[in-house]
Amino acid sequence: DILRIYIKVKDNRIEEIKFKTFGCAAAIASGSVLTEMAKGKTIEEALDIKREEIIKELGGLPSQKRHCSVLAQDALKKAVDNYKRRRSGVLTVRFSIEGKGDLIGELYKTALGKKVIESLPLNAKISLWGKELYFPTGVKAELTQPQVRMDAGDIAFWPEEGALCLFWGATPISNGMEILAYSAVEVVGNFKVDEKLLDSLEDGDNIRVVRVDS
């Protein structure tokens, strides 16, 4: 099951909230109930909604479907994390793969994102791991918001290799359509997915990352 939540926030309250899901009826119901419960609440109040409250509002869930309530909670947390990152500001960047084309993305001006931005312009050779490409940045930093579950279009920093990772689909350890990083990473941006370009890439392709105004 995959569930994504989109929010519009005003004065720290969730003014609008919608969800999109690819999953079973329980996942759809959990997303619907959580969005109804969260609308109008402050961000903190919405994040404090317990899985038991979701299940109770649904009138109960079979034990094998209770994970759907957690799925909805995780989606809301990710939406809030993304909102907070965007509040810090963004920098538009271009990823140019030699001889193949360009991808446009944004880097968030979070504490970690700024360290990545400071490393630009950057030239490197890419490595592929399923539908993930990564390359070294020379940046050394610890994570403050580690996660392994990703969305297509996420840009993340991988501390073990000091690498920037771009995800657009399943990795070798993914379960079905779920996108999983090899180990904990921190999202530092997003990019517009061009599957035709991305699927044409090979290990060792040269990549250059620059500010769009460079």
Protein backbone atom coordinates (compact mmCIF):
# COMPACT_ATOMS: atom_id res chain seq x y z
CA ASP A 1 0.00 0.00 0.00
CA ILE A 2 1.15 3.54 -0.82
CA LEU A 3 -0.49 6.62 0.66
CA ARG A 4 0.45 10.28 0.20
CA ILE A 5 -1.00 13.31 1.95
CA TYR A 6 -0.94 16.91 0.73
CA ILE A 7 -1.53 19.84 3.07
CA LYS A 8 -2.04 23.60 2.90
CA VAL A 9 -1.11 25.36 6.13
CA LYS A 10 -2.11 28.83 7.34
CA ASP A 11 -1.15 30.26 10.74
CA ASN A 12 0.15 26.81 11.73
CA ARG A 13 -3.26 25.21 11.07
CA ILE A 14 -4.03 22.69 8.37
CA GLU A 15 -6.42 24.64 6.15
CA GLU A 16 -6.69 22.02 3.41
CA ILE A 17 -5.69 18.37 3.36
CA LYS A 18 -6.07 15.72 0.66
CA PHE A 19 -4.76 12.22 0.14
CA LYS A 20 -3.94 9.87 -2.71
CA THR A 21 -3.53 6.15 -2.28
CA PHE A 22 -2.68 2.99 -4.15
CA GLY A 23 -3.91 0.26 -1.86
CA CYS A 24 -6.73 -1.68 -0.29
CA ALA A 25 -10.07 -0.44 1.04
CA ALA A 26 -8.62 -0.16 4.57
CA ALA A 27 -5.83 2.13 3.31
CA ILE A 28 -8.37 4.32 1.50
CA ALA A 29 -10.60 4.48 4.59
CA SER A 30 -7.67 5.26 6.91
CA GLY A 31 -6.51 8.10 4.66
CA SER A 32 -10.04 9.50 4.42
CA VAL A 33 -10.62 9.42 8.18
CA LEU A 34 -7.24 10.90 9.09
CA THR A 35 -7.64 13.81 6.67
CA GLU A 36 -11.07 14.58 8.13
CA MET A 37 -9.69 14.42 11.67
CA ALA A 38 -6.64 16.58 10.88
CA LYS A 39 -8.37 19.38 8.96
CA GLY A 40 -8.54 22.57 11.04
CA LYS A 41 -6.08 21.33 13.64
CA THR A 42 -2.67 22.82 14.33
CA ILE A 43 0.25 20.84 12.95
CA GLU A 44 1.11 19.62 16.44
CA GLU A 45 -2.48 18.53 17.15
CA ALA A 46 -2.68 16.68 13.83
CA LEU A 47 0.58 14.83 14.44
CA ASP A 48 -0.71 13.82 17.86
CA ILE A 49 -3.63 11.83 16.38
CA LYS A 50 -3.13 8.24 17.55
CA ARG A 51 -3.61 5.14 15.42
CA GLU A 52 -6.17 3.92 17.96
CA GLU A 53 -8.24 7.06 17.31
CA ILE A 54 -8.17 6.38 13.57
CA ILE A 55 -9.21 2.77 14.09
CA LYS A 56 -11.98 3.80 16.52
CA GLU A 57 -13.31 6.36 14.03
CA LEU A 58 -13.39 3.62 11.41
CA GLY A 59 -15.38 1.37 13.72
CA GLY A 60 -12.48 -1.06 13.97
CA LEU A 61 -10.03 -2.77 11.59
CA PRO A 62 -9.06 -6.45 11.23
CA SER A 63 -5.68 -7.16 12.82
CA GLN A 64 -4.10 -7.76 9.40
CA LYS A 65 -5.24 -4.30 8.27
CA ARG A 66 -4.23 -2.25 11.31
CA HIS A 67 -0.98 -1.27 9.56
CA CYS A 68 -3.07 0.97 7.28
CA SER A 69 -3.64 3.40 10.16
CA VAL A 70 0.14 3.63 10.64
CA LEU A 71 0.53 4.18 6.89
CA ALA A 72 -1.77 7.21 7.14
CA GLN A 73 0.14 8.56 10.15
CA ASP A 74 3.45 8.19 8.31
CA ALA A 75 2.07 10.01 5.26
CA LEU A 76 0.90 12.94 7.38
CA LYS A 77 4.28 13.18 9.13
CA LYS A 78 6.05 13.22 5.76
CA ALA A 79 3.75 15.98 4.48
CA VAL A 80 4.49 18.07 7.58
CA ASP A 81 8.24 17.44 7.27
CA ASN A 82 8.12 18.58 3.65
CA TYR A 83 6.16 21.71 4.61
CA LYS A 84 8.73 22.61 7.27
CA ARG A 85 11.61 22.08 4.84
CA ARG A 86 9.99 24.30 2.24
CA ARG A 87 9.50 27.06 4.80
CA SER A 88 13.28 27.28 5.07
CA GLY A 89 13.45 28.24 1.38
CA VAL A 90 14.58 26.40 -1.76
CA LEU A 91 17.30 26.73 -4.38
CA THR A 92 16.62 25.59 -7.95
CA VAL A 93 19.39 23.39 -9.36
CA ARG A 94 20.16 21.58 -12.61
CA PHE A 95 21.51 18.04 -12.81
CA SER A 96 23.25 17.69 -16.20
CA ILE A 97 24.14 14.16 -17.28
CA GLU A 98 26.78 14.37 -19.98
CA GLY A 99 25.48 13.39 -23.41
CA LYS A 100 22.00 12.47 -22.10
CA GLY A 101 20.14 15.48 -20.74
CA ASP A 102 19.14 17.56 -17.74
CA LEU A 103 16.94 17.21 -14.67
CA ILE A 104 15.64 20.20 -12.72
CA GLY A 105 15.26 20.07 -8.97
CA GLU A 106 15.14 22.04 -5.74
CA LEU A 107 17.39 21.84 -2.69
CA TYR A 108 15.87 22.88 0.63
CA LYS A 109 17.80 25.48 2.61
CA THR A 110 17.76 23.40 5.78
CA ALA A 111 20.92 23.01 7.85
CA LEU A 112 21.92 19.91 5.87
CA GLY A 113 20.61 21.26 2.58
CA LYS A 114 22.83 24.35 2.94
CA LYS A 115 25.91 22.15 3.31
CA VAL A 116 25.03 20.41 0.05
CA ILE A 117 24.37 23.78 -1.63
CA GLU A 118 27.79 25.02 -0.48
CA SER A 119 29.42 22.11 -2.36
CA LEU A 120 28.07 23.40 -5.71
CA PRO A 121 29.02 23.42 -8.52
CA LEU A 122 29.69 19.73 -8.33
CA ASN A 123 31.10 17.22 -10.86
CA ALA A 124 30.97 13.49 -10.22
CA LYS A 125 30.33 10.04 -11.66
CA ILE A 126 27.03 8.39 -10.87
CA SER A 127 26.31 4.91 -9.54
CA LEU A 128 22.97 3.16 -9.98
CA TRP A 129 21.09 0.97 -7.50
CA GLY A 130 17.78 -0.03 -8.99
CA LYS A 131 15.86 3.16 -9.73
CA GLU A 132 18.16 5.27 -7.60
CA LEU A 133 21.23 7.17 -8.72
CA TYR A 134 23.82 8.48 -6.30
CA PHE A 135 27.13 10.29 -6.44
CA PRO A 136 29.69 11.67 -3.96
CA THR A 137 29.50 15.28 -2.78
CA GLY A 138 32.46 15.54 -0.42
CA VAL A 139 30.04 16.68 2.29
CA LYS A 140 30.29 15.17 5.77
CA ALA A 141 27.26 15.59 8.02
CA GLU A 142 25.01 13.78 10.46
CA LEU A 143 21.29 13.33 9.90
CA THR A 144 18.65 15.13 11.94
CA GLN A 145 15.61 13.58 10.21
CA PRO A 146 16.64 10.06 9.15
CA GLN A 147 14.30 7.88 7.10
CA VAL A 148 14.45 4.96 4.68
CA ARG A 149 11.04 5.13 3.00
CA MET A 150 11.20 7.44 0.01
CA ASP A 151 8.95 8.89 -2.69
CA ALA A 152 9.70 9.17 -6.40
CA GLY A 153 11.32 12.56 -6.93
CA ASP A 154 13.03 12.72 -3.53
CA ILE A 155 16.61 13.96 -3.29
CA ALA A 156 18.34 12.65 -0.16
CA PHE A 157 21.74 12.81 1.52
CA TRP A 158 23.38 9.48 2.40
CA PRO A 159 25.95 10.02 5.19
CA GLU A 160 27.76 6.68 4.83
CA GLU A 161 29.11 7.75 1.43
CA GLY A 162 28.61 11.52 1.71
CA ALA A 163 26.45 11.09 -1.37
CA LEU A 164 23.44 12.74 -2.92
CA CYS A 165 20.76 10.24 -3.97
CA LEU A 166 17.93 10.73 -6.47
CA PHE A 167 15.05 8.24 -6.25
CA TRP A 168 12.49 7.56 -8.97
CA GLY A 169 11.34 3.99 -8.34
CA ALA A 170 11.96 0.66 -6.64
CA THR A 171 15.41 -0.23 -5.30
CA PRO A 172 16.77 -3.79 -4.91
CA ILE A 173 15.40 -3.98 -1.35
CA SER A 174 11.98 -2.52 -2.15
CA ASN A 175 8.86 -4.52 -1.43
CA GLY A 176 6.57 -4.14 -4.40
CA MET A 177 6.15 -0.47 -5.34
CA GLU A 178 7.60 0.81 -2.06
CA ILE A 179 10.83 2.82 -2.48
CA LEU A 180 13.45 2.05 0.17
CA ALA A 181 16.91 3.50 0.70
CA TYR A 182 19.75 1.10 1.56
CA SER A 183 20.12 2.75 4.98
CA ALA A 184 19.02 5.96 6.69
CA VAL A 185 19.11 9.12 4.60
CA GLU A 186 17.70 12.63 4.97
CA VAL A 187 15.56 14.30 2.31
CA VAL A 188 17.19 17.55 1.18
CA GLY A 189 15.19 18.32 -1.96
CA ASN A 190 13.08 17.10 -4.84
CA PHE A 191 13.35 16.85 -8.62
CA LYS A 192 11.09 16.45 -11.64
CA VAL A 193 11.18 12.80 -12.68
CA ASP A 194 11.98 12.09 -16.35
CA GLU A 195 11.78 8.30 -16.54
CA LYS A 196 12.97 8.08 -20.15
CA LEU A 197 16.16 9.98 -19.28
CA LEU A 198 16.68 8.25 -15.94
CA ASP A 199 16.21 4.76 -17.35
CA SER A 200 18.87 5.49 -19.99
CA LEU A 201 21.59 6.15 -17.39
CA GLU A 202 24.57 3.89 -16.79
CA ASP A 203 27.12 3.50 -14.00
CA GLY A 204 29.95 5.94 -14.52
CA ASP A 205 27.97 8.59 -16.41
CA ASN A 206 29.27 12.09 -15.65
CA ILE A 207 26.96 14.45 -13.76
CA ARG A 208 27.30 18.16 -13.06
CA VAL A 209 25.12 19.92 -10.50
CA VAL A 210 24.80 23.71 -10.63
CA ARG A 211 22.53 26.48 -9.47
CA VAL A 212 20.13 27.34 -12.25
CA ASP A 213 21.32 30.97 -12.16
CA SER A 214 24.99 29.88 -12.46
